[in-house]
Amino acid sequence: MCRLLLAILASGLCIPVMGDTVSDEDVKLALIYKITRFITWPTVPDRTGTPFRFCLAEDTIYELAQDRLTGRRVRDRDIQVHLLSEDTVDLSGQCDVFYMARMKEERVSKLLELASGQPVLTVSDVPGFARNGGMIGLSTRSQKVTININVAAYESSALVVSSQLLELADLVDDHQRHRK
């Protein structure tokens, strides 16, 4: 994990100009961008040449995400940042990555239901996100961002996560949650 964070910081990606403070959200956005390089989405012919859609449910970091991610590419696709409306019902046609930052757990649960089984990478910094059905949970401990990956969630979405990323993360298996 330390090597991945060092690579992010060394590359200058998504990090403000020297002298500015690096915020927690800057680091998380940079990390999510780097994580996308370790994810393979199912091949869908009609998406060739379409933008890579990075979606947010809250406007608190929308401008920051626009600033840090617009102009970048994932898998030869230009990133577009989208703010989803409250009445969104189908994430698969709108998002490749869905970052649920700073949200209340009950809202996260509803949004995870929309994303369930869809080829949409779900990421959040809400405590317990991966244990509660999200794919990638980010948490900050002692000024270090840690990654938790829910194996069952990404497997049900048809996304493939690189073994390199799996080695760096804490794996969460929520099959126990479904056995109750």
Protein backbone atom coordinates (compact mmCIF):
# COMPACT_ATOMS: atom_id res chain seq x y z
CA MET A 1 0.00 0.00 0.00
CA CYS A 2 2.80 2.40 0.85
CA ARG A 3 4.40 1.88 -2.56
CA LEU A 4 1.12 2.68 -4.30
CA LEU A 5 0.66 5.89 -2.33
CA LEU A 6 4.27 6.87 -2.94
CA ALA A 7 3.79 6.31 -6.66
CA ILE A 8 0.73 8.56 -6.61
CA LEU A 9 2.53 11.32 -4.78
CA ALA A 10 5.69 11.00 -6.87
CA SER A 11 3.77 11.21 -10.11
CA GLY A 12 2.18 14.49 -9.09
CA LEU A 13 -1.15 13.13 -10.31
CA CYS A 14 -4.15 14.93 -8.89
CA ILE A 15 -1.97 16.67 -6.33
CA PRO A 16 -2.11 20.47 -5.98
CA VAL A 17 0.74 22.79 -6.87
CA MET A 18 3.67 22.96 -4.44
CA GLY A 19 2.88 25.00 -1.38
CA ASP A 20 -0.78 23.94 -1.29
CA THR A 21 -1.96 21.43 1.26
CA VAL A 22 -2.79 17.96 -0.02
CA SER A 23 -6.31 17.18 1.17
CA ASP A 24 -7.66 13.80 2.11
CA GLU A 25 -10.01 14.03 -0.89
CA ASP A 26 -7.10 14.78 -3.27
CA VAL A 27 -5.38 11.60 -2.14
CA LYS A 28 -8.57 9.53 -2.41
CA LEU A 29 -9.35 10.80 -5.92
CA ALA A 30 -5.79 10.07 -7.02
CA LEU A 31 -5.99 6.62 -5.49
CA ILE A 32 -9.31 5.84 -7.19
CA TYR A 33 -7.83 6.96 -10.51
CA LYS A 34 -4.84 4.66 -9.98
CA ILE A 35 -7.12 1.78 -8.89
CA THR A 36 -8.97 1.95 -12.23
CA ARG A 37 -5.78 0.76 -13.91
CA PHE A 38 -6.10 -2.51 -11.96
CA ILE A 39 -9.75 -3.14 -12.91
CA THR A 40 -11.05 -4.70 -16.10
CA TRP A 41 -14.60 -3.92 -17.16
CA PRO A 42 -16.56 -6.33 -19.36
CA THR A 43 -16.18 -5.55 -23.05
CA VAL A 44 -19.28 -3.85 -24.39
CA PRO A 45 -19.12 -3.02 -28.11
CA ASP A 46 -21.23 0.14 -27.91
CA ARG A 47 -18.89 1.74 -25.33
CA THR A 48 -15.92 1.92 -27.67
CA GLY A 49 -14.96 5.56 -27.97
CA THR A 50 -17.35 6.64 -25.25
CA PRO A 51 -16.14 8.57 -22.22
CA PHE A 52 -15.13 6.81 -19.02
CA ARG A 53 -17.80 7.98 -16.58
CA PHE A 54 -16.73 8.84 -13.04
CA CYS A 55 -19.92 9.44 -11.05
CA LEU A 56 -20.59 11.15 -7.74
CA ALA A 57 -23.79 11.21 -5.70
CA GLU A 58 -22.91 14.30 -3.65
CA ASP A 59 -21.79 17.69 -4.86
CA THR A 60 -19.33 18.24 -1.99
CA ILE A 61 -16.33 17.15 -4.08
CA TYR A 62 -17.75 17.54 -7.58
CA GLU A 63 -15.63 20.58 -8.47
CA LEU A 64 -12.48 18.98 -7.04
CA ALA A 65 -13.14 15.79 -9.03
CA GLN A 66 -13.76 17.84 -12.19
CA ASP A 67 -10.49 19.70 -11.66
CA ARG A 68 -8.40 16.62 -10.85
CA LEU A 69 -9.83 14.07 -13.31
CA THR A 70 -11.02 15.92 -16.41
CA GLY A 71 -8.50 15.50 -19.21
CA ARG A 72 -7.23 12.16 -17.88
CA ARG A 73 -7.86 8.79 -19.51
CA VAL A 74 -8.76 5.29 -18.35
CA ARG A 75 -8.35 2.41 -20.78
CA ASP A 76 -8.04 4.80 -23.75
CA ARG A 77 -11.27 6.59 -22.77
CA ASP A 78 -11.48 10.23 -21.65
CA ILE A 79 -12.79 10.68 -18.11
CA GLN A 80 -15.97 12.64 -17.64
CA VAL A 81 -17.14 13.49 -14.13
CA HIS A 82 -20.91 13.30 -13.55
CA LEU A 83 -23.04 14.32 -10.62
CA LEU A 84 -25.99 11.92 -10.40
CA SER A 85 -29.48 13.16 -9.71
CA GLU A 86 -31.59 11.91 -6.81
CA ASP A 87 -33.89 10.02 -9.19
CA THR A 88 -31.16 7.90 -10.81
CA VAL A 89 -32.39 4.32 -11.22
CA ASP A 90 -29.89 2.67 -13.57
CA LEU A 91 -26.21 3.12 -12.90
CA SER A 92 -24.93 0.72 -15.55
CA GLY A 93 -25.81 3.06 -18.39
CA GLN A 94 -24.39 6.10 -16.63
CA CYS A 95 -21.30 5.12 -14.62
CA ASP A 96 -18.08 3.13 -14.81
CA VAL A 97 -16.96 4.26 -11.33
CA PHE A 98 -19.35 5.44 -8.67
CA TYR A 99 -17.66 7.24 -5.76
CA MET A 100 -19.93 7.76 -2.76
CA ALA A 101 -17.97 10.25 -0.67
CA ARG A 102 -19.10 11.54 2.71
CA MET A 103 -22.55 9.98 2.62
CA LYS A 104 -24.95 8.71 5.25
CA GLU A 105 -25.04 4.93 5.50
CA GLU A 106 -28.76 4.64 4.69
CA ARG A 107 -28.29 6.51 1.41
CA VAL A 108 -25.27 4.36 0.57
CA SER A 109 -27.37 1.21 1.07
CA LYS A 110 -29.99 2.44 -1.40
CA LEU A 111 -27.35 3.35 -3.99
CA LEU A 112 -25.59 0.00 -3.58
CA GLU A 113 -28.88 -1.71 -4.42
CA LEU A 114 -28.94 0.21 -7.72
CA ALA A 115 -25.37 -0.85 -8.50
CA SER A 116 -25.74 -4.47 -7.39
CA GLY A 117 -24.73 -6.88 -10.15
CA GLN A 118 -23.87 -4.03 -12.54
CA PRO A 119 -20.40 -3.51 -14.09
CA VAL A 120 -19.95 -0.35 -12.00
CA LEU A 121 -17.00 -0.04 -9.61
CA THR A 122 -18.42 1.23 -6.32
CA VAL A 123 -16.06 3.11 -4.01
CA SER A 124 -16.67 4.99 -0.77
CA ASP A 125 -15.02 6.39 2.31
CA VAL A 126 -18.08 5.58 4.45
CA PRO A 127 -16.98 3.39 7.39
CA GLY A 128 -17.77 -0.29 6.78
CA PHE A 129 -18.56 0.27 3.08
CA ALA A 130 -16.89 -2.92 1.83
CA ARG A 131 -18.33 -5.01 4.67
CA ASN A 132 -21.81 -3.75 3.77
CA GLY A 133 -21.75 -4.67 0.07
CA GLY A 134 -19.62 -1.98 -1.58
CA MET A 135 -16.67 -3.05 -3.74
CA ILE A 136 -13.87 -0.80 -2.52
CA GLY A 137 -13.82 0.95 0.82
CA LEU A 138 -11.25 3.65 1.56
CA SER A 139 -10.34 4.60 5.09
CA THR A 140 -7.73 6.82 6.63
CA ARG A 141 -5.74 5.62 9.63
CA SER A 142 -2.69 7.43 10.96
CA GLN A 143 -2.53 9.60 7.82
CA LYS A 144 -2.52 6.51 5.56
CA VAL A 145 -5.32 5.55 3.21
CA THR A 146 -6.16 1.85 3.33
CA ILE A 147 -8.11 -0.13 0.76
CA ASN A 148 -10.73 -2.75 1.63
CA ILE A 149 -12.09 -4.87 -1.24
CA ASN A 150 -15.30 -6.88 -1.04
CA VAL A 151 -14.62 -10.02 -3.08
CA ALA A 152 -18.27 -11.08 -3.48
CA ALA A 153 -19.34 -7.59 -4.60
CA TYR A 154 -16.84 -7.28 -7.42
CA GLU A 155 -17.30 -10.90 -8.51
CA SER A 156 -21.07 -10.39 -8.89
CA SER A 157 -20.47 -7.31 -11.07
CA ALA A 158 -18.43 -9.03 -13.81
CA LEU A 159 -15.50 -6.72 -13.05
CA VAL A 160 -12.05 -8.28 -12.80
CA VAL A 161 -9.67 -6.99 -10.15
CA SER A 162 -5.95 -7.48 -10.74
CA SER A 163 -4.12 -9.77 -8.35
CA GLN A 164 -1.64 -6.92 -7.80
CA LEU A 165 -4.38 -4.75 -6.29
CA LEU A 166 -5.78 -7.67 -4.30
CA GLU A 167 -2.36 -8.18 -2.71
CA LEU A 168 -2.26 -4.56 -1.53
CA ALA A 169 -5.76 -4.50 -0.09
CA ASP A 170 -7.53 -5.94 2.93
CA LEU A 171 -10.03 -8.42 1.50
CA VAL A 172 -13.56 -8.55 2.85
CA ASP A 173 -15.82 -11.49 2.11
CA ASP A 174 -19.42 -10.56 2.76
CA HIS A 175 -20.75 -14.08 2.07
CA GLN A 176 -21.18 -14.34 5.87
CA ARG A 177 -23.57 -11.39 5.71
CA HIS A 178 -25.76 -13.26 3.19
CA ARG A 179 -25.77 -16.50 5.23
CA LYS A 180 -27.60 -15.01 8.22
